[in-house]
Amino acid sequence: MLPLGLVSLLAYALMAIMDISLKVATLPVVTLGVGIDYGIYIYRAPLLILGVAD
């Protein structure tokens, strides 16, 4: 879960540096980025448990 929190924090930090406020139009961009990371995490966790992942 640490990588997901880190990605969220970095996304918000980048938006602050670029002076992009969090609005209804920009929220899906952050959500999509975190969602992709979460999907990779959810896909890989069972593979590690089963010992199939490298």
N, C-alpha and C. Protein backbone atom coordinates (compact mmCIF):
# COMPACT_ATOMS: atom_id res chain seq x y z
N MET A 1 0.80 -1.20 0.00
CA MET A 1 0.00 0.00 0.00
C MET A 1 0.85 1.27 0.00
N LEU A 2 2.09 1.16 0.39
CA LEU A 2 2.97 2.32 0.38
C LEU A 2 3.14 2.91 -1.02
N PRO A 3 3.33 2.08 -2.07
CA PRO A 3 3.45 2.68 -3.40
C PRO A 3 2.21 3.46 -3.83
N LEU A 4 1.03 3.01 -3.43
CA LEU A 4 -0.19 3.72 -3.80
C LEU A 4 -0.26 5.09 -3.14
N GLY A 5 0.08 5.12 -1.88
CA GLY A 5 0.09 6.41 -1.17
C GLY A 5 1.15 7.34 -1.73
N LEU A 6 2.28 6.77 -2.07
CA LEU A 6 3.37 7.58 -2.63
C LEU A 6 2.98 8.17 -3.98
N VAL A 7 2.32 7.39 -4.81
CA VAL A 7 1.88 7.89 -6.11
C VAL A 7 0.87 9.01 -5.94
N SER A 8 -0.06 8.85 -5.01
CA SER A 8 -1.04 9.91 -4.76
C SER A 8 -0.34 11.18 -4.29
N LEU A 9 0.57 11.03 -3.36
CA LEU A 9 1.29 12.19 -2.84
C LEU A 9 2.09 12.89 -3.94
N LEU A 10 2.78 12.12 -4.76
CA LEU A 10 3.56 12.71 -5.85
C LEU A 10 2.66 13.38 -6.89
N ALA A 11 1.51 12.79 -7.16
CA ALA A 11 0.60 13.40 -8.13
C ALA A 11 0.10 14.75 -7.62
N TYR A 12 -0.28 14.79 -6.34
CA TYR A 12 -0.74 16.06 -5.78
C TYR A 12 0.39 17.08 -5.70
N ALA A 13 1.60 16.62 -5.39
CA ALA A 13 2.74 17.53 -5.33
C ALA A 13 3.04 18.12 -6.71
N LEU A 14 3.01 17.28 -7.73
CA LEU A 14 3.24 17.77 -9.09
C LEU A 14 2.17 18.76 -9.51
N MET A 15 0.93 18.48 -9.14
CA MET A 15 -0.15 19.41 -9.47
C MET A 15 0.06 20.73 -8.74
N ALA A 16 0.55 20.70 -7.51
CA ALA A 16 0.80 21.94 -6.77
C ALA A 16 1.95 22.73 -7.39
N ILE A 17 3.00 22.02 -7.80
CA ILE A 17 4.15 22.69 -8.43
C ILE A 17 3.74 23.35 -9.74
N MET A 18 2.89 22.66 -10.49
CA MET A 18 2.45 23.19 -11.79
C MET A 18 1.25 24.13 -11.66
N ASP A 19 0.85 24.41 -10.42
CA ASP A 19 -0.27 25.30 -10.13
C ASP A 19 -1.57 24.83 -10.78
N ILE A 20 -1.83 23.54 -10.67
CA ILE A 20 -3.06 22.95 -11.17
C ILE A 20 -3.91 22.61 -9.96
N SER A 21 -5.06 23.22 -9.85
CA SER A 21 -5.91 22.96 -8.69
C SER A 21 -6.71 21.67 -8.91
N LEU A 22 -7.12 21.07 -7.82
CA LEU A 22 -7.91 19.85 -7.88
C LEU A 22 -9.37 20.24 -8.10
N LYS A 23 -9.85 19.99 -9.29
CA LYS A 23 -11.23 20.32 -9.67
C LYS A 23 -11.90 19.05 -10.15
N VAL A 24 -13.14 19.17 -10.51
CA VAL A 24 -13.88 18.03 -11.04
C VAL A 24 -13.24 17.54 -12.33
N ALA A 25 -12.67 18.44 -13.11
CA ALA A 25 -12.06 18.06 -14.38
C ALA A 25 -10.71 17.36 -14.20
N THR A 26 -9.99 17.67 -13.12
CA THR A 26 -8.66 17.07 -12.92
C THR A 26 -8.69 15.85 -12.01
N LEU A 27 -9.76 15.63 -11.30
CA LEU A 27 -9.86 14.49 -10.39
C LEU A 27 -9.75 13.14 -11.11
N PRO A 28 -10.38 12.94 -12.28
CA PRO A 28 -10.23 11.65 -12.96
C PRO A 28 -8.79 11.33 -13.35
N VAL A 29 -7.98 12.33 -13.61
CA VAL A 29 -6.59 12.09 -13.98
C VAL A 29 -5.83 11.47 -12.82
N VAL A 30 -6.02 12.01 -11.63
CA VAL A 30 -5.36 11.47 -10.44
C VAL A 30 -5.91 10.09 -10.13
N THR A 31 -7.22 9.93 -10.23
CA THR A 31 -7.86 8.65 -9.95
C THR A 31 -7.39 7.58 -10.92
N LEU A 32 -7.25 7.92 -12.17
CA LEU A 32 -6.79 6.95 -13.17
C LEU A 32 -5.37 6.50 -12.88
N GLY A 33 -4.51 7.43 -12.53
CA GLY A 33 -3.12 7.08 -12.21
C GLY A 33 -3.01 6.16 -11.02
N VAL A 34 -3.76 6.44 -9.97
CA VAL A 34 -3.75 5.59 -8.78
C VAL A 34 -4.42 4.26 -9.10
N GLY A 35 -5.46 4.28 -9.89
CA GLY A 35 -6.17 3.05 -10.25
C GLY A 35 -5.30 2.07 -11.02
N ILE A 36 -4.48 2.57 -11.90
CA ILE A 36 -3.57 1.70 -12.66
C ILE A 36 -2.56 1.06 -11.72
N ASP A 37 -1.99 1.84 -10.83
CA ASP A 37 -1.03 1.29 -9.86
C ASP A 37 -1.70 0.25 -8.98
N TYR A 38 -2.91 0.53 -8.54
CA TYR A 38 -3.63 -0.40 -7.68
C TYR A 38 -3.95 -1.69 -8.43
N GLY A 39 -4.31 -1.58 -9.69
CA GLY A 39 -4.59 -2.77 -10.50
C GLY A 39 -3.37 -3.66 -10.64
N ILE A 40 -2.22 -3.06 -10.84
CA ILE A 40 -0.98 -3.84 -10.94
C ILE A 40 -0.69 -4.52 -9.60
N TYR A 41 -0.90 -3.81 -8.52
CA TYR A 41 -0.67 -4.36 -7.18
C TYR A 41 -1.60 -5.55 -6.92
N ILE A 42 -2.88 -5.40 -7.25
CA ILE A 42 -3.87 -6.46 -7.02
C ILE A 42 -3.57 -7.66 -7.91
N TYR A 43 -3.11 -7.45 -9.12
CA TYR A 43 -2.79 -8.55 -10.03
C TYR A 43 -1.55 -9.31 -9.56
N ARG A 44 -0.57 -8.61 -9.05
CA ARG A 44 0.71 -9.23 -8.69
C ARG A 44 0.67 -9.94 -7.34
N ALA A 45 -0.13 -9.46 -6.41
CA ALA A 45 -0.16 -10.05 -5.06
C ALA A 45 -0.49 -11.55 -5.07
N PRO A 46 -1.53 -12.00 -5.76
CA PRO A 46 -1.81 -13.44 -5.78
C PRO A 46 -0.70 -14.24 -6.46
N LEU A 47 -0.06 -13.67 -7.47
CA LEU A 47 1.02 -14.35 -8.14
C LEU A 47 2.21 -14.57 -7.20
N LEU A 48 2.47 -13.59 -6.36
CA LEU A 48 3.55 -13.75 -5.37
C LEU A 48 3.20 -14.79 -4.33
N ILE A 49 1.94 -14.82 -3.93
CA ILE A 49 1.51 -15.81 -2.94
C ILE A 49 1.62 -17.22 -3.50
N LEU A 50 1.24 -17.38 -4.76
CA LEU A 50 1.30 -18.70 -5.41
C LEU A 50 2.72 -19.09 -5.81
N GLY A 51 3.62 -18.12 -5.79
CA GLY A 51 5.00 -18.40 -6.16
C GLY A 51 5.22 -18.46 -7.66
N VAL A 52 4.32 -17.88 -8.43
CA VAL A 52 4.41 -17.90 -9.89
C VAL A 52 5.21 -16.71 -10.41
N ALA A 53 5.16 -15.60 -9.67
CA ALA A 53 5.85 -14.37 -10.12
C ALA A 53 7.34 -14.52 -9.93
N ASP A 54 8.08 -13.79 -10.75
CA ASP A 54 9.54 -13.86 -10.64
C ASP A 54 10.08 -12.86 -9.68
